[in-house]
Amino acid sequence: MSGREIMAAAGVLFPDADGRVLVVRTSYRAKHPIAVPGGGWDAADPSPRHTAVREIREELGVTPVLRELACLDWSRDHDRPPIAAFLYWAEPLTAEQRAAVRLEAAELDAIVHLPPELLLSAVPPLLSRRMGACLRAPRSAAPLELADGLPVGHSALHLPPRPAPAYLGAAALAGLLPPAGGRAAPPPPMDKQTYYASRPRIRVKARMLFTDPDGRVLLVRLKPWRGESPWVLPGGSVEADRELPREGARREALEELGWRREPGRLLGIDWVAARPDEQPYLTLVYDGGTAGPDLLAAVRVQEEEIAEWRLFAPQDAAPVLTPSSARRLAACLAVRALPPTAGPAELVNGAPAAGPAPA
C-alpha cells in the first residue's frame, strides 16, 4: 500500500416523518455500538451509491431509495488510512419495508429512529459531527464538503461554529432500544489492523479549474506515459498520508504552474472507474478562480511532467479531453455559475450520479 491510497465507505440517512433519523446498534462494538447503517466500499461496487445500496440490503434486508449525496467527509485517524466517507439521504422506509427489515445477525441487533438531539449524543464524535452537519445544513447545500466532520469550503457558509454535544454512547438511549440480552458482545469478525489491511483502496486526485477573463479554461498536456499524452485540468494525486485534498490541490498548482493559489469551493466529486486492471480513483475539482494576464505570464510549468499549457474556450476544450473529463468540466462549469452556497456536482465518470438507488 502506498501513501496515496485511501479507503472509501458509504452510509445512509433514513429520516422519518417526525424528523428522526435511523441508527443501528452493532453487536460487537462494546465501546461505540451506535452507528449509521452502511459500510466499506468493495472492489465489485461500481460507485459509492452501489456500496450504500448493497450495505443496506445486507444489513437491513431492504433496498433503499437513495436521493442526494449528503456529504463527502475526508476522515483521518492515526492508526488507519484516510477514508472518503460518502453519506447519502434516502427516502423514509415505507411500512412494507419496515415490516421486511431483517437485521444482519452477525453484526446488528437493533435499530431505532432518533431525534437529532439524542442521535448526536449517541454516535461517536466523528460521526456526530458528520451527521450533525448534514442535519443542520439545508438540503439544497448538499453535498457538503467536510474534513474530519468539520465544514470546509461552501459548507462553512451554512454551518457556523457550534459546541459539540457530549458523547454519551448507548447510555443516551436507555429505554429506547431493546436490551442486548445480557450476553457478552461477540468478538469482532477480525481485529482492526487486519480489517484495514484487507480493504480495497482507491486514490484521490485534486484538480483546479482556472479561467482567464474571457472565460477560457486553462489545460495542461501531460508528457507521454503509457503511450498517452492527455490534456487535463492542472492537478494530480493527493498524498493521502500527509495532506488533505485542498492541500494537495494547492501543492499541485505550485508544482505544475508555479502559482501559489488557494483552492476555492469544491465544484465536482467524480468517481472514476479506471482500466479493468487498475483501482478506481476519486477526482475532486476546486475552483481556481480567474487568472489575469500577469498571472498567466508567470506560468512556470513542471518540465518533468507537463509538456505544454494552453487556454481553451469551453466548447474547444471538450474535443481534446477524454469523454469523462469533458463531461466533468461541463458539470464543474455549471456549478461555478451557481451561487457560492451551492454544493458540488456528484459524478460517476463525469456524468451526474444523483437519482434513485441503482439496481
Protein backbone atom coordinates (compact mmCIF):
# COMPACT_ATOMS: atom_id res chain seq x y z
CA MET A 1 0.00 0.00 0.00
CA SER A 2 1.30 3.47 -0.88
CA GLY A 3 0.81 6.76 0.92
CA ARG A 4 -1.59 7.83 -1.81
CA GLU A 5 -4.16 5.11 -1.19
CA ILE A 6 -7.28 5.55 0.91
CA MET A 7 -10.36 3.56 1.79
CA ALA A 8 -13.93 4.50 0.87
CA ALA A 9 -17.20 3.90 2.69
CA ALA A 10 -20.87 4.79 2.25
CA GLY A 11 -23.65 5.25 4.79
CA VAL A 12 -27.33 6.14 4.56
CA LEU A 13 -29.52 8.63 6.43
CA PHE A 14 -33.10 7.39 6.70
CA PRO A 15 -35.36 10.19 8.02
CA ASP A 16 -38.93 9.64 9.10
CA ALA A 17 -41.99 11.87 9.08
CA ASP A 18 -41.15 13.24 12.54
CA GLY A 19 -37.63 14.40 11.65
CA ARG A 20 -35.91 11.47 13.32
CA VAL A 21 -33.06 9.51 11.71
CA LEU A 22 -32.44 5.77 11.80
CA VAL A 23 -29.38 4.38 13.59
CA VAL A 24 -28.29 0.80 14.27
CA ARG A 25 -26.73 -0.91 17.27
CA THR A 26 -23.79 -3.12 16.41
CA SER A 27 -23.49 -6.34 18.36
CA TYR A 28 -19.68 -6.48 18.52
CA ARG A 29 -18.65 -2.88 19.26
CA ALA A 30 -18.84 -2.64 23.00
CA LYS A 31 -17.26 0.83 23.20
CA HIS A 32 -19.07 2.60 20.33
CA PRO A 33 -22.12 0.46 19.47
CA ILE A 34 -24.39 3.09 17.83
CA ALA A 35 -23.76 3.77 14.14
CA VAL A 36 -25.38 4.79 10.88
CA PRO A 37 -26.20 1.88 8.53
CA GLY A 38 -23.63 1.36 5.79
CA GLY A 39 -20.11 0.10 5.35
CA GLY A 40 -16.95 -0.12 3.29
CA TRP A 41 -16.64 0.07 -0.49
CA ASP A 42 -15.87 -3.24 -2.22
CA ALA A 43 -13.94 -3.55 -5.47
CA ALA A 44 -17.06 -5.01 -7.15
CA ASP A 45 -19.10 -1.86 -6.38
CA PRO A 46 -19.26 0.42 -9.46
CA SER A 47 -19.65 3.52 -7.26
CA PRO A 48 -20.28 4.58 -3.65
CA ARG A 49 -24.02 4.67 -4.42
CA HIS A 50 -23.85 0.97 -5.18
CA THR A 51 -21.93 0.46 -1.94
CA ALA A 52 -24.68 2.19 0.02
CA VAL A 53 -27.41 0.09 -1.60
CA ARG A 54 -25.51 -3.18 -1.14
CA GLU A 55 -24.75 -2.46 2.50
CA ILE A 56 -28.37 -1.65 3.34
CA ARG A 57 -29.54 -4.82 1.62
CA GLU A 58 -27.01 -6.84 3.61
CA GLU A 59 -27.59 -5.12 6.94
CA LEU A 60 -31.36 -4.49 6.88
CA GLY A 61 -32.66 -6.79 4.15
CA VAL A 62 -34.41 -3.98 2.23
CA THR A 63 -33.50 -1.86 -0.80
CA PRO A 64 -33.21 1.87 -0.08
CA VAL A 65 -34.32 4.62 -2.43
CA LEU A 66 -31.30 6.90 -2.38
CA ARG A 67 -31.58 10.60 -3.01
CA GLU A 68 -28.82 13.22 -2.95
CA LEU A 69 -25.33 12.78 -1.56
CA ALA A 70 -25.50 14.49 1.83
CA CYS A 71 -21.75 14.89 2.35
CA LEU A 72 -18.28 13.71 1.50
CA ASP A 73 -16.12 13.59 4.62
CA TRP A 74 -12.35 13.07 4.38
CA SER A 75 -11.74 11.26 7.66
CA ARG A 76 -8.31 10.71 9.18
CA ASP A 77 -7.03 8.73 12.15
CA HIS A 78 -3.54 7.93 13.41
CA ASP A 79 -4.00 4.15 13.26
CA ARG A 80 -5.68 3.70 9.85
CA PRO A 81 -5.58 5.08 6.29
CA PRO A 82 -7.80 8.08 5.50
CA ILE A 83 -11.37 7.26 4.49
CA ALA A 84 -13.52 9.05 1.93
CA ALA A 85 -16.87 8.71 3.68
CA PHE A 86 -19.96 9.21 1.50
CA LEU A 87 -23.23 9.77 3.36
CA TYR A 88 -26.49 9.67 1.39
CA TRP A 89 -30.01 10.81 2.12
CA ALA A 90 -32.68 8.20 1.42
CA GLU A 91 -36.44 8.14 1.21
CA PRO A 92 -38.07 7.17 4.52
CA LEU A 93 -38.66 3.45 4.89
CA THR A 94 -42.20 2.52 3.91
CA ALA A 95 -44.46 0.49 6.18
CA GLU A 96 -43.77 -2.53 3.97
CA GLN A 97 -40.01 -2.01 4.22
CA ARG A 98 -40.14 -1.60 8.00
CA ALA A 99 -42.05 -4.89 8.25
CA ALA A 100 -39.48 -6.56 5.97
CA VAL A 101 -36.38 -5.44 7.89
CA ARG A 102 -34.17 -8.40 8.81
CA LEU A 103 -31.02 -7.40 10.65
CA GLU A 104 -27.69 -8.91 9.68
CA ALA A 105 -27.38 -11.27 12.63
CA ALA A 106 -23.58 -11.32 12.79
CA GLU A 107 -23.28 -7.52 13.11
CA LEU A 108 -26.50 -5.78 14.19
CA ASP A 109 -29.00 -6.41 16.97
CA ALA A 110 -31.31 -3.34 16.97
CA ILE A 111 -32.44 -0.28 15.03
CA VAL A 112 -34.25 2.86 16.16
CA HIS A 113 -35.22 6.27 14.79
CA LEU A 114 -33.82 9.06 16.97
CA PRO A 115 -34.41 12.81 17.18
CA PRO A 116 -31.26 14.82 16.38
CA GLU A 117 -30.55 15.84 19.99
CA LEU A 118 -30.37 12.20 21.09
CA LEU A 119 -28.72 10.89 17.95
CA LEU A 120 -25.78 13.29 18.12
CA SER A 121 -25.01 12.23 21.68
CA ALA A 122 -25.34 8.53 20.95
CA VAL A 123 -22.98 8.16 17.98
CA PRO A 124 -19.17 8.61 18.29
CA PRO A 125 -17.84 12.18 17.97
CA LEU A 126 -16.64 11.97 14.35
CA LEU A 127 -19.94 10.51 13.19
CA SER A 128 -21.79 13.03 15.35
CA ARG A 129 -20.04 15.92 13.60
CA ARG A 130 -20.69 14.38 10.18
CA MET A 131 -24.36 13.64 10.77
CA GLY A 132 -24.87 16.92 12.63
CA ALA A 133 -23.58 18.88 9.64
CA CYS A 134 -25.98 17.06 7.32
CA LEU A 135 -28.91 17.66 9.66
CA ARG A 136 -28.16 21.35 10.25
CA ALA A 137 -27.41 22.45 6.68
CA PRO A 138 -30.20 22.93 4.13
CA ARG A 139 -30.63 20.01 1.76
CA SER A 140 -30.03 22.43 -1.12
CA ALA A 141 -26.40 22.79 0.06
CA ALA A 142 -25.67 19.10 -0.47
CA PRO A 143 -23.26 17.56 -0.87
CA LEU A 144 -21.37 19.16 1.98
CA GLU A 145 -17.57 19.15 1.97
CA LEU A 146 -16.21 18.02 5.33
CA ALA A 147 -12.79 17.25 6.79
CA ASP A 148 -12.90 15.07 9.91
CA GLY A 149 -16.56 16.00 10.20
CA LEU A 150 -15.88 19.77 10.14
CA PRO A 151 -17.22 22.04 7.38
CA VAL A 152 -14.83 23.44 4.78
CA GLY A 153 -15.39 25.31 1.54
CA HIS A 154 -19.02 26.21 0.81
CA SER A 155 -20.17 24.09 3.78
CA ALA A 156 -18.73 26.65 6.21
CA LEU A 157 -21.15 29.25 4.79
CA HIS A 158 -24.07 27.14 6.05
CA LEU A 159 -22.61 25.86 9.33
CA PRO A 160 -21.38 28.45 11.81
CA PRO A 161 -19.37 27.06 14.75
CA ARG A 162 -21.45 25.26 17.33
CA PRO A 163 -20.48 23.39 20.52
CA ALA A 164 -20.35 19.64 20.06
CA PRO A 165 -22.83 17.63 22.16
CA ALA A 166 -21.41 15.49 24.94
CA TYR A 167 -20.81 11.91 23.83
CA LEU A 168 -22.92 9.51 25.88
CA GLY A 169 -22.90 6.47 23.62
CA ALA A 170 -25.55 3.82 24.18
CA ALA A 171 -26.32 5.35 27.58
CA ALA A 172 -28.14 8.16 25.75
CA LEU A 173 -30.67 5.60 24.53
CA ALA A 174 -31.67 4.00 27.80
CA GLY A 175 -35.15 2.55 27.35
CA LEU A 176 -35.26 3.29 23.61
CA LEU A 177 -33.56 0.09 22.45
CA PRO A 178 -34.37 -3.48 23.42
CA PRO A 179 -31.95 -4.98 25.96
CA ALA A 180 -28.90 -6.65 24.49
CA GLY A 181 -29.86 -9.91 26.16
CA GLY A 182 -27.31 -9.84 28.96
CA ARG A 183 -24.74 -11.71 26.93
CA ALA A 184 -21.21 -10.56 26.29
CA ALA A 185 -20.60 -8.87 22.97
CA PRO A 186 -19.22 -11.31 20.40
CA PRO A 187 -15.68 -10.64 19.23
CA PRO A 188 -15.30 -8.54 16.08
CA PRO A 189 -15.02 -10.56 12.85
CA MET A 190 -11.32 -9.54 12.74
CA ASP A 191 -9.01 -7.11 14.52
CA LYS A 192 -8.83 -3.56 13.21
CA GLN A 193 -5.44 -3.71 11.56
CA THR A 194 -6.28 -6.95 9.77
CA TYR A 195 -9.54 -5.40 8.61
CA TYR A 196 -7.85 -2.27 7.31
CA ALA A 197 -5.19 -4.31 5.52
CA SER A 198 -7.89 -6.40 3.82
CA ARG A 199 -9.90 -3.47 2.46
CA PRO A 200 -9.57 -2.38 -1.19
CA ARG A 201 -8.16 1.08 -1.78
CA ILE A 202 -8.69 3.97 -4.13
CA ARG A 203 -6.63 7.03 -4.99
CA VAL A 204 -7.70 10.67 -4.99
CA LYS A 205 -6.79 13.38 -7.48
CA ALA A 206 -7.22 17.07 -6.71
CA ARG A 207 -7.52 19.47 -9.66
CA MET A 208 -8.19 23.17 -10.05
CA LEU A 209 -10.34 24.93 -12.64
CA PHE A 210 -8.75 28.20 -13.79
CA THR A 211 -10.22 30.54 -16.40
CA ASP A 212 -8.94 33.76 -17.92
CA PRO A 213 -11.05 36.97 -18.02
CA ASP A 214 -12.61 35.76 -21.29
CA GLY A 215 -13.80 32.50 -19.73
CA ARG A 216 -11.22 30.29 -21.42
CA VAL A 217 -10.16 27.21 -19.43
CA LEU A 218 -6.53 26.51 -18.63
CA LEU A 219 -5.48 22.96 -19.50
CA VAL A 220 -2.10 21.27 -19.33
CA ARG A 221 -0.89 18.43 -21.53
CA LEU A 222 0.97 15.69 -19.70
CA LYS A 223 4.17 14.25 -21.08
CA PRO A 224 3.73 10.87 -22.79
CA TRP A 225 3.13 7.95 -20.42
CA ARG A 226 1.85 4.52 -21.46
CA GLY A 227 1.61 5.87 -24.96
CA GLU A 228 -0.76 8.69 -23.94
CA SER A 229 -0.27 12.46 -23.55
CA PRO A 230 -3.68 13.71 -22.37
CA TRP A 231 -4.92 17.24 -21.75
CA VAL A 232 -6.21 17.67 -18.18
CA LEU A 233 -7.02 20.34 -15.63
CA PRO A 234 -3.96 21.20 -13.53
CA GLY A 235 -3.57 18.89 -10.53
CA GLY A 236 -2.65 15.37 -9.58
CA SER A 237 -2.61 12.72 -6.90
CA VAL A 238 -3.21 13.63 -3.26
CA GLU A 239 -0.50 12.44 -0.87
CA ALA A 240 -3.15 10.99 1.39
CA ASP A 241 -0.84 10.05 4.26
CA ARG A 242 0.26 13.66 4.74
CA GLU A 243 -2.25 16.12 3.28
CA LEU A 244 -5.93 16.89 2.80
CA PRO A 245 -7.29 17.22 -0.76
CA ARG A 246 -7.27 21.02 -0.57
CA GLU A 247 -3.63 20.92 0.43
CA GLY A 248 -2.95 18.58 -2.49
CA ALA A 249 -4.64 20.95 -4.94
CA ARG A 250 -2.59 23.87 -3.59
CA ARG A 251 0.67 21.89 -3.84
CA GLU A 252 -0.06 20.67 -7.36
CA ALA A 253 -0.80 24.21 -8.62
CA LEU A 254 2.54 25.34 -7.24
CA GLU A 255 4.43 22.38 -8.69
CA GLU A 256 2.80 22.34 -12.13
CA LEU A 257 2.29 26.06 -12.80
CA GLY A 258 4.46 27.85 -10.26
CA TRP A 259 1.35 29.52 -8.80
CA ARG A 260 0.51 29.98 -5.13
CA ARG A 261 -3.28 29.80 -5.29
CA GLU A 262 -5.76 28.90 -2.60
CA PRO A 263 -8.41 26.41 -3.80
CA GLY A 264 -11.88 27.88 -3.87
CA ARG A 265 -15.09 25.95 -3.44
CA LEU A 266 -15.39 22.33 -4.42
CA LEU A 267 -17.09 22.10 -7.83
CA GLY A 268 -17.15 18.38 -8.57
CA ILE A 269 -16.83 14.98 -6.87
CA ASP A 270 -16.19 12.42 -9.61
CA TRP A 271 -15.85 8.67 -9.01
CA VAL A 272 -13.79 7.45 -11.95
CA ALA A 273 -13.73 3.79 -12.97
CA ALA A 274 -10.20 3.16 -14.20
CA ARG A 275 -8.97 0.45 -16.54
CA PRO A 276 -10.08 -3.09 -15.56
CA ASP A 277 -6.62 -3.80 -14.13
CA GLU A 278 -6.49 -0.58 -12.08
CA GLN A 279 -8.21 0.69 -8.95
CA PRO A 280 -10.80 3.47 -9.36
CA TYR A 281 -10.00 6.95 -8.19
CA LEU A 282 -11.85 9.95 -6.88
CA THR A 283 -11.31 13.28 -8.64
CA LEU A 284 -12.08 16.46 -6.71
CA VAL A 285 -12.20 19.68 -8.74
CA TYR A 286 -11.77 23.01 -6.96
CA ASP A 287 -12.43 26.49 -8.30
CA GLY A 288 -9.11 28.21 -9.01
CA GLY A 289 -10.75 31.50 -9.97
CA THR A 290 -9.81 33.90 -12.74
CA ALA A 291 -6.19 34.14 -13.88
CA GLY A 292 -5.35 37.58 -15.24
CA PRO A 293 -2.60 38.48 -17.72
CA ASP A 294 0.07 38.96 -15.04
CA LEU A 295 -0.58 35.55 -13.51
CA LEU A 296 -0.67 33.83 -16.90
CA ALA A 297 2.62 35.45 -17.79
CA ALA A 298 4.09 33.94 -14.62
CA VAL A 299 3.32 30.32 -15.55
CA ARG A 300 6.34 28.08 -14.98
CA VAL A 301 5.38 24.53 -15.89
CA GLN A 302 6.81 21.44 -14.22
CA GLU A 303 9.02 20.24 -17.03
CA GLU A 304 9.26 16.67 -15.72
CA GLU A 305 5.51 16.14 -16.11
CA ILE A 306 3.97 18.90 -18.25
CA ALA A 307 4.57 19.18 -22.00
CA GLU A 308 2.61 22.43 -22.51
CA TRP A 309 -0.29 24.53 -21.31
CA ARG A 310 -2.98 26.35 -23.24
CA LEU A 311 -6.23 28.28 -22.84
CA PHE A 312 -9.34 26.77 -24.45
CA ALA A 313 -12.84 28.12 -24.90
CA PRO A 314 -15.10 25.58 -23.15
CA GLN A 315 -16.51 24.31 -26.45
CA ASP A 316 -12.97 23.84 -27.77
CA ALA A 317 -11.77 22.06 -24.63
CA ALA A 318 -14.18 19.15 -24.97
CA PRO A 319 -12.61 17.65 -28.14
CA VAL A 320 -9.11 17.47 -26.61
CA LEU A 321 -10.29 15.91 -23.33
CA THR A 322 -11.34 12.34 -22.71
CA PRO A 323 -15.13 11.95 -22.78
CA SER A 324 -15.36 11.60 -18.99
CA SER A 325 -13.08 14.62 -18.43
CA ALA A 326 -15.14 16.68 -20.87
CA ARG A 327 -18.34 15.78 -19.01
CA ARG A 328 -16.67 16.62 -15.70
CA LEU A 329 -15.51 20.01 -16.96
CA ALA A 330 -19.01 20.87 -18.19
CA ALA A 331 -20.53 19.87 -14.83
CA CYS A 332 -17.98 21.92 -12.88
CA LEU A 333 -18.50 24.99 -15.07
CA ALA A 334 -22.25 24.67 -14.47
CA VAL A 335 -21.74 24.55 -10.68
CA ARG A 336 -19.37 27.50 -10.90
CA ALA A 337 -22.20 29.58 -12.40
CA LEU A 338 -24.43 28.88 -9.37
CA PRO A 339 -24.47 30.95 -6.16
CA PRO A 340 -21.44 30.30 -3.89
CA THR A 341 -23.61 28.46 -1.38
CA ALA A 342 -24.39 25.66 -3.89
CA GLY A 343 -22.79 22.27 -3.39
CA PRO A 344 -20.58 20.40 -5.86
CA ALA A 345 -21.80 18.01 -8.53
CA GLU A 346 -21.77 14.31 -7.66
CA LEU A 347 -20.47 12.47 -10.72
CA VAL A 348 -19.53 8.99 -11.89
CA ASN A 349 -17.15 9.04 -14.85
CA GLY A 350 -18.12 12.67 -15.34
CA ALA A 351 -21.87 12.03 -15.58
CA PRO A 352 -24.41 13.05 -12.92
CA ALA A 353 -24.78 10.35 -10.27
CA ALA A 354 -27.84 11.65 -8.41
CA GLY A 355 -31.04 9.66 -8.59
CA PRO A 356 -32.82 6.66 -7.13
CA ALA A 357 -30.95 3.62 -5.93
CA PRO A 358 -29.18 1.69 -8.66
CA ALA A 359 -30.42 -1.81 -9.41
